[in-house]
PDB file of all heavy atoms in Angstrom:
ATOM      1  N   ALA A   1     -17.832   4.827   2.233  1.00  0.00           N
ATOM      2  CA  ALA A   1     -16.660   5.604   1.840  1.00  0.00           C
ATOM      3  C   ALA A   1     -15.863   4.886   0.751  1.00  0.00           C
ATOM      4  O   ALA A   1     -15.359   5.493  -0.180  1.00  0.00           O
ATOM      5  CB  ALA A   1     -15.784   5.871   3.060  1.00  0.00           C
ATOM      6  N   TRP A   2     -15.763   3.543   0.860  1.00  0.00           N
ATOM      7  CA  TRP A   2     -14.953   2.821  -0.119  1.00  0.00           C
ATOM      8  C   TRP A   2     -15.558   2.809  -1.508  1.00  0.00           C
ATOM      9  O   TRP A   2     -14.888   2.498  -2.482  1.00  0.00           O
ATOM     10  CB  TRP A   2     -14.703   1.396   0.362  1.00  0.00           C
ATOM     11  CG  TRP A   2     -15.947   0.609   0.639  1.00  0.00           C
ATOM     12  CD1 TRP A   2     -16.539   0.413   1.836  1.00  0.00           C
ATOM     13  CD2 TRP A   2     -16.778  -0.081  -0.306  1.00  0.00           C
ATOM     14  NE1 TRP A   2     -17.667  -0.347   1.721  1.00  0.00           N
ATOM     15  CE2 TRP A   2     -17.838  -0.666   0.419  1.00  0.00           C
ATOM     16  CE3 TRP A   2     -16.710  -0.268  -1.677  1.00  0.00           C
ATOM     17  CZ2 TRP A   2     -18.829  -1.418  -0.199  1.00  0.00           C
ATOM     18  CZ3 TRP A   2     -17.711  -1.013  -2.290  1.00  0.00           C
ATOM     19  CH2 TRP A   2     -18.742  -1.578  -1.546  1.00  0.00           C
ATOM     20  N   ALA A   3     -16.838   3.159  -1.592  1.00  0.00           N
ATOM     21  CA  ALA A   3     -17.496   3.124  -2.900  1.00  0.00           C
ATOM     22  C   ALA A   3     -17.246   4.393  -3.704  1.00  0.00           C
ATOM     23  O   ALA A   3     -17.573   4.454  -4.874  1.00  0.00           O
ATOM     24  CB  ALA A   3     -18.986   2.907  -2.727  1.00  0.00           C
ATOM     25  N   GLN A   4     -16.651   5.410  -3.059  1.00  0.00           N
ATOM     26  CA  GLN A   4     -16.442   6.669  -3.740  1.00  0.00           C
ATOM     27  C   GLN A   4     -15.214   6.587  -4.644  1.00  0.00           C
ATOM     28  O   GLN A   4     -14.210   5.979  -4.295  1.00  0.00           O
ATOM     29  CB  GLN A   4     -16.246   7.794  -2.711  1.00  0.00           C
ATOM     30  CG  GLN A   4     -17.428   7.979  -1.771  1.00  0.00           C
ATOM     31  CD  GLN A   4     -18.715   8.238  -2.529  1.00  0.00           C
ATOM     32  OE1 GLN A   4     -18.780   9.127  -3.357  1.00  0.00           O
ATOM     33  NE2 GLN A   4     -19.736   7.444  -2.261  1.00  0.00           N
ATOM     34  N   PRO A   5     -15.280   7.176  -5.837  1.00  0.00           N
ATOM     35  CA  PRO A   5     -14.113   7.157  -6.718  1.00  0.00           C
ATOM     36  C   PRO A   5     -12.978   7.992  -6.145  1.00  0.00           C
ATOM     37  O   PRO A   5     -13.197   8.922  -5.361  1.00  0.00           O
ATOM     38  CB  PRO A   5     -14.653   7.763  -8.020  1.00  0.00           C
ATOM     39  CG  PRO A   5     -15.831   8.581  -7.601  1.00  0.00           C
ATOM     40  CD  PRO A   5     -16.425   7.877  -6.422  1.00  0.00           C
ATOM     41  N   THR A   6     -11.761   7.650  -6.524  1.00  0.00           N
ATOM     42  CA  THR A   6     -10.585   8.414  -6.133  1.00  0.00           C
ATOM     43  C   THR A   6     -10.303   9.452  -7.202  1.00  0.00           C
ATOM     44  O   THR A   6     -10.287   9.130  -8.395  1.00  0.00           O
ATOM     45  CB  THR A   6      -9.372   7.474  -5.976  1.00  0.00           C
ATOM     46  OG1 THR A   6      -9.613   6.621  -4.860  1.00  0.00           O
ATOM     47  CG2 THR A   6      -8.090   8.262  -5.740  1.00  0.00           C
ATOM     48  N   GLU A   7     -10.081  10.698  -6.798  1.00  0.00           N
ATOM     49  CA  GLU A   7      -9.828  11.765  -7.756  1.00  0.00           C
ATOM     50  C   GLU A   7      -8.413  12.290  -7.601  1.00  0.00           C
ATOM     51  O   GLU A   7      -7.943  12.535  -6.499  1.00  0.00           O
ATOM     52  CB  GLU A   7     -10.841  12.900  -7.582  1.00  0.00           C
ATOM     53  CG  GLU A   7     -12.244  12.528  -8.031  1.00  0.00           C
ATOM     54  CD  GLU A   7     -13.050  13.731  -8.513  1.00  0.00           C
ATOM     55  OE1 GLU A   7     -12.489  14.834  -8.570  1.00  0.00           O
ATOM     56  OE2 GLU A   7     -14.228  13.537  -8.831  1.00  0.00           O
ATOM     57  N   LEU A   8      -7.734  12.449  -8.735  1.00  0.00           N
ATOM     58  CA  LEU A   8      -6.390  13.014  -8.776  1.00  0.00           C
ATOM     59  C   LEU A   8      -6.349  14.068  -9.867  1.00  0.00           C
ATOM     60  O   LEU A   8      -6.496  13.739 -11.053  1.00  0.00           O
ATOM     61  CB  LEU A   8      -5.355  11.928  -9.083  1.00  0.00           C
ATOM     62  CG  LEU A   8      -4.997  10.942  -7.977  1.00  0.00           C
ATOM     63  CD1 LEU A   8      -4.110   9.843  -8.552  1.00  0.00           C
ATOM     64  CD2 LEU A   8      -4.288  11.635  -6.839  1.00  0.00           C
ATOM     65  N   PHE A   9      -6.212  15.322  -9.469  1.00  0.00           N
ATOM     66  CA  PHE A   9      -6.101  16.418 -10.426  1.00  0.00           C
ATOM     67  C   PHE A   9      -7.228  16.388 -11.448  1.00  0.00           C
ATOM     68  O   PHE A   9      -7.017  16.549 -12.660  1.00  0.00           O
ATOM     69  CB  PHE A   9      -4.735  16.379 -11.118  1.00  0.00           C
ATOM     70  CG  PHE A   9      -3.592  16.405 -10.147  1.00  0.00           C
ATOM     71  CD1 PHE A   9      -2.888  15.242  -9.866  1.00  0.00           C
ATOM     72  CD2 PHE A   9      -3.245  17.576  -9.486  1.00  0.00           C
ATOM     73  CE1 PHE A   9      -1.843  15.252  -8.956  1.00  0.00           C
ATOM     74  CE2 PHE A   9      -2.202  17.591  -8.577  1.00  0.00           C
ATOM     75  CZ  PHE A   9      -1.499  16.432  -8.310  1.00  0.00           C
ATOM     76  N   GLY A  10      -8.434  16.113 -10.947  1.00  0.00           N
ATOM     77  CA  GLY A  10      -9.619  16.111 -11.795  1.00  0.00           C
ATOM     78  C   GLY A  10      -9.879  14.802 -12.512  1.00  0.00           C
ATOM     79  O   GLY A  10     -10.884  14.675 -13.216  1.00  0.00           O
ATOM     80  N   ILE A  11      -9.001  13.817 -12.346  1.00  0.00           N
ATOM     81  CA  ILE A  11      -9.184  12.498 -12.959  1.00  0.00           C
ATOM     82  C   ILE A  11      -9.820  11.574 -11.935  1.00  0.00           C
ATOM     83  O   ILE A  11      -9.315  11.434 -10.817  1.00  0.00           O
ATOM     84  CB  ILE A  11      -7.848  11.898 -13.439  1.00  0.00           C
ATOM     85  CG1 ILE A  11      -7.128  12.874 -14.372  1.00  0.00           C
ATOM     86  CG2 ILE A  11      -8.077  10.551 -14.097  1.00  0.00           C
ATOM     87  CD1 ILE A  11      -7.906  13.235 -15.606  1.00  0.00           C
ATOM     88  N   SER A  12     -10.925  10.946 -12.303  1.00  0.00           N
ATOM     89  CA  SER A  12     -11.660  10.084 -11.378  1.00  0.00           C
ATOM     90  C   SER A  12     -11.365   8.620 -11.680  1.00  0.00           C
ATOM     91  O   SER A  12     -11.536   8.160 -12.814  1.00  0.00           O
ATOM     92  CB  SER A  12     -13.171  10.348 -11.507  1.00  0.00           C
ATOM     93  OG  SER A  12     -13.897   9.526 -10.623  1.00  0.00           O
ATOM     94  N   TYR A  13     -10.900   7.909 -10.664  1.00  0.00           N
ATOM     95  CA  TYR A  13     -10.653   6.476 -10.779  1.00  0.00           C
ATOM     96  C   TYR A  13     -11.687   5.723  -9.945  1.00  0.00           C
ATOM     97  O   TYR A  13     -11.776   5.933  -8.738  1.00  0.00           O
ATOM     98  CB  TYR A  13      -9.252   6.119 -10.280  1.00  0.00           C
ATOM     99  CG  TYR A  13      -8.143   6.483 -11.231  1.00  0.00           C
ATOM    100  CD1 TYR A  13      -7.297   7.565 -10.979  1.00  0.00           C
ATOM    101  CD2 TYR A  13      -7.934   5.747 -12.385  1.00  0.00           C
ATOM    102  CE1 TYR A  13      -6.272   7.885 -11.853  1.00  0.00           C
ATOM    103  CE2 TYR A  13      -6.912   6.066 -13.274  1.00  0.00           C
ATOM    104  CZ  TYR A  13      -6.079   7.141 -12.993  1.00  0.00           C
ATOM    105  OH  TYR A  13      -5.075   7.453 -13.873  1.00  0.00           O
ATOM    106  N   PRO A  14     -12.477   4.845 -10.576  1.00  0.00           N
ATOM    107  CA  PRO A  14     -13.463   4.078  -9.808  1.00  0.00           C
ATOM    108  C   PRO A  14     -12.768   3.106  -8.859  1.00  0.00           C
ATOM    109  O   PRO A  14     -11.623   2.707  -9.089  1.00  0.00           O
ATOM    110  CB  PRO A  14     -14.253   3.329 -10.887  1.00  0.00           C
ATOM    111  CG  PRO A  14     -13.295   3.206 -12.026  1.00  0.00           C
ATOM    112  CD  PRO A  14     -12.461   4.462 -11.998  1.00  0.00           C
ATOM    113  N   GLN A  15     -13.471   2.722  -7.804  1.00  0.00           N
ATOM    114  CA  GLN A  15     -12.895   1.789  -6.839  1.00  0.00           C
ATOM    115  C   GLN A  15     -12.767   0.383  -7.412  1.00  0.00           C
ATOM    116  O   GLN A  15     -11.933  -0.392  -6.962  1.00  0.00           O
ATOM    117  CB  GLN A  15     -13.739   1.759  -5.570  1.00  0.00           C
ATOM    118  CG  GLN A  15     -13.605   3.015  -4.718  1.00  0.00           C
ATOM    119  CD  GLN A  15     -12.205   3.204  -4.180  1.00  0.00           C
ATOM    120  OE1 GLN A  15     -11.600   2.275  -3.673  1.00  0.00           O
ATOM    121  NE2 GLN A  15     -11.684   4.421  -4.284  1.00  0.00           N
ATOM    122  N   THR A  16     -13.589   0.050  -8.399  1.00  0.00           N
ATOM    123  CA  THR A  16     -13.505  -1.269  -9.042  1.00  0.00           C
ATOM    124  C   THR A  16     -13.679  -1.117 -10.550  1.00  0.00           C
ATOM    125  O   THR A  16     -14.278  -0.143 -11.025  1.00  0.00           O
ATOM    126  CB  THR A  16     -14.578  -2.247  -8.512  1.00  0.00           C
ATOM    127  OG1 THR A  16     -15.881  -1.723  -8.813  1.00  0.00           O
ATOM    128  CG2 THR A  16     -14.445  -2.457  -7.013  1.00  0.00           C
ATOM    129  N   LEU A  17     -13.133  -2.055 -11.276  1.00  0.00           N
ATOM    130  CA  LEU A  17     -13.384  -2.177 -12.718  1.00  0.00           C
ATOM    131  C   LEU A  17     -13.214  -3.649 -13.093  1.00  0.00           C
ATOM    132  O   LEU A  17     -12.755  -4.454 -12.287  1.00  0.00           O
ATOM    133  CB  LEU A  17     -12.482  -1.268 -13.547  1.00  0.00           C
ATOM    134  CG  LEU A  17     -10.964  -1.309 -13.372  1.00  0.00           C
ATOM    135  CD1 LEU A  17     -10.345  -2.569 -13.947  1.00  0.00           C
ATOM    136  CD2 LEU A  17     -10.343  -0.096 -14.039  1.00  0.00           C
ATOM    137  N   LYS A  18     -13.581  -3.992 -14.313  1.00  0.00           N
ATOM    138  CA  LYS A  18     -13.515  -5.386 -14.734  1.00  0.00           C
ATOM    139  C   LYS A  18     -12.516  -5.583 -15.869  1.00  0.00           C
ATOM    140  O   LYS A  18     -12.468  -4.784 -16.809  1.00  0.00           O
ATOM    141  CB  LYS A  18     -14.903  -5.893 -15.155  1.00  0.00           C
ATOM    142  CG  LYS A  18     -15.832  -6.116 -13.974  1.00  0.00           C
ATOM    143  CD  LYS A  18     -17.084  -6.890 -14.375  1.00  0.00           C
ATOM    144  CE  LYS A  18     -17.939  -7.209 -13.160  1.00  0.00           C
ATOM    145  NZ  LYS A  18     -19.117  -8.037 -13.503  1.00  0.00           N
ATOM    146  N   VAL A  19     -11.735  -6.639 -15.744  1.00  0.00           N
ATOM    147  CA  VAL A  19     -10.845  -7.085 -16.810  1.00  0.00           C
ATOM    148  C   VAL A  19     -11.143  -8.552 -17.053  1.00  0.00           C
ATOM    149  O   VAL A  19     -11.106  -9.366 -16.128  1.00  0.00           O
ATOM    150  CB  VAL A  19      -9.367  -6.886 -16.424  1.00  0.00           C
ATOM    151  CG1 VAL A  19      -8.456  -7.572 -17.440  1.00  0.00           C
ATOM    152  CG2 VAL A  19      -9.027  -5.395 -16.326  1.00  0.00           C
ATOM    153  N   GLU A  20     -11.484  -8.877 -18.295  1.00  0.00           N
ATOM    154  CA  GLU A  20     -11.828 -10.256 -18.650  1.00  0.00           C
ATOM    155  C   GLU A  20     -12.935 -10.823 -17.754  1.00  0.00           C
ATOM    156  O   GLU A  20     -12.909 -11.981 -17.355  1.00  0.00           O
ATOM    157  CB  GLU A  20     -10.590 -11.147 -18.577  1.00  0.00           C
ATOM    158  CG  GLU A  20      -9.536 -10.813 -19.613  1.00  0.00           C
ATOM    159  CD  GLU A  20      -9.986 -11.157 -21.033  1.00  0.00           C
ATOM    160  OE1 GLU A  20     -10.191 -12.347 -21.304  1.00  0.00           O
ATOM    161  OE2 GLU A  20     -10.116 -10.238 -21.848  1.00  0.00           O
ATOM    162  N   GLY A  21     -13.901  -9.961 -17.388  1.00  0.00           N
ATOM    163  CA  GLY A  21     -15.033 -10.401 -16.582  1.00  0.00           C
ATOM    164  C   GLY A  21     -14.764 -10.503 -15.095  1.00  0.00           C
ATOM    165  O   GLY A  21     -15.674 -10.816 -14.323  1.00  0.00           O
ATOM    166  N   ARG A  22     -13.541 -10.224 -14.669  1.00  0.00           N
ATOM    167  CA  ARG A  22     -13.205 -10.324 -13.245  1.00  0.00           C
ATOM    168  C   ARG A  22     -13.103  -8.932 -12.634  1.00  0.00           C
ATOM    169  O   ARG A  22     -12.504  -8.026 -13.222  1.00  0.00           O
ATOM    170  CB  ARG A  22     -11.891 -11.078 -13.046  1.00  0.00           C
ATOM    171  CG  ARG A  22     -11.533 -11.238 -11.577  1.00  0.00           C
ATOM    172  CD  ARG A  22     -10.502 -12.309 -11.366  1.00  0.00           C
ATOM    173  NE  ARG A  22     -10.134 -12.421  -9.960  1.00  0.00           N
ATOM    174  CZ  ARG A  22      -9.213 -13.243  -9.494  1.00  0.00           C
ATOM    175  NH1 ARG A  22      -8.554 -14.045 -10.330  1.00  0.00           N
ATOM    176  NH2 ARG A  22      -8.929 -13.293  -8.206  1.00  0.00           N
ATOM    177  N   THR A  23     -13.677  -8.759 -11.464  1.00  0.00           N
ATOM    178  CA  THR A  23     -13.658  -7.466 -10.788  1.00  0.00           C
ATOM    179  C   THR A  23     -12.310  -7.231 -10.130  1.00  0.00           C
ATOM    180  O   THR A  23     -11.835  -8.054  -9.346  1.00  0.00           O
ATOM    181  CB  THR A  23     -14.769  -7.381  -9.730  1.00  0.00           C
ATOM    182  OG1 THR A  23     -16.036  -7.540 -10.376  1.00  0.00           O
ATOM    183  CG2 THR A  23     -14.739  -6.035  -9.017  1.00  0.00           C
ATOM    184  N   LEU A  24     -11.693  -6.107 -10.456  1.00  0.00           N
ATOM    185  CA  LEU A  24     -10.434  -5.699  -9.845  1.00  0.00           C
ATOM    186  C   LEU A  24     -10.681  -4.501  -8.933  1.00  0.00           C
ATOM    187  O   LEU A  24     -11.585  -3.700  -9.171  1.00  0.00           O
ATOM    188  CB  LEU A  24      -9.409  -5.322 -10.909  1.00  0.00           C
ATOM    189  CG  LEU A  24      -9.080  -6.384 -11.963  1.00  0.00           C
ATOM    190  CD1 LEU A  24      -7.959  -5.889 -12.871  1.00  0.00           C
ATOM    191  CD2 LEU A  24      -8.696  -7.704 -11.313  1.00  0.00           C
ATOM    192  N   GLN A  25      -9.856  -4.375  -7.908  1.00  0.00           N
ATOM    193  CA  GLN A  25      -9.994  -3.296  -6.936  1.00  0.00           C
ATOM    194  C   GLN A  25      -8.859  -2.291  -7.084  1.00  0.00           C
ATOM    195  O   GLN A  25      -7.734  -2.660  -7.422  1.00  0.00           O
ATOM    196  CB  GLN A  25      -9.970  -3.873  -5.515  1.00  0.00           C
ATOM    197  CG  GLN A  25     -11.042  -4.912  -5.260  1.00  0.00           C
ATOM    198  CD  GLN A  25     -10.929  -5.477  -3.864  1.00  0.00           C
ATOM    199  OE1 GLN A  25     -11.107  -4.772  -2.872  1.00  0.00           O
ATOM    200  NE2 GLN A  25     -10.628  -6.766  -3.770  1.00  0.00           N
ATOM    201  N   LEU A  26      -9.182  -1.047  -6.824  1.00  0.00           N
ATOM    202  CA  LEU A  26      -8.167   0.006  -6.858  1.00  0.00           C
ATOM    203  C   LEU A  26      -7.195  -0.198  -5.702  1.00  0.00           C
ATOM    204  O   LEU A  26      -7.574  -0.130  -4.538  1.00  0.00           O
ATOM    205  CB  LEU A  26      -8.831   1.381  -6.764  1.00  0.00           C
ATOM    206  CG  LEU A  26      -7.893   2.588  -6.743  1.00  0.00           C
ATOM    207  CD1 LEU A  26      -7.102   2.680  -8.046  1.00  0.00           C
ATOM    208  CD2 LEU A  26      -8.686   3.871  -6.512  1.00  0.00           C
ATOM    209  N   ASN A  27      -5.935  -0.468  -6.038  1.00  0.00           N
ATOM    210  CA  ASN A  27      -4.922  -0.716  -5.012  1.00  0.00           C
ATOM    211  C   ASN A  27      -4.240   0.574  -4.581  1.00  0.00           C
ATOM    212  O   ASN A  27      -3.797   0.720  -3.441  1.00  0.00           O
ATOM    213  CB  ASN A  27      -3.879  -1.700  -5.536  1.00  0.00           C
ATOM    214  CG  ASN A  27      -3.095  -2.368  -4.429  1.00  0.00           C
ATOM    215  OD1 ASN A  27      -3.567  -3.300  -3.798  1.00  0.00           O
ATOM    216  ND2 ASN A  27      -1.890  -1.877  -4.169  1.00  0.00           N
TER     217      ASN A  27
END
């Protein structure tokens, strides 16, 4: 379940992304 993207009004936010090579989590 945690691997699924979050959707808001048709906008999909991934659960993780990278900034400067470091993995960040959707808070």
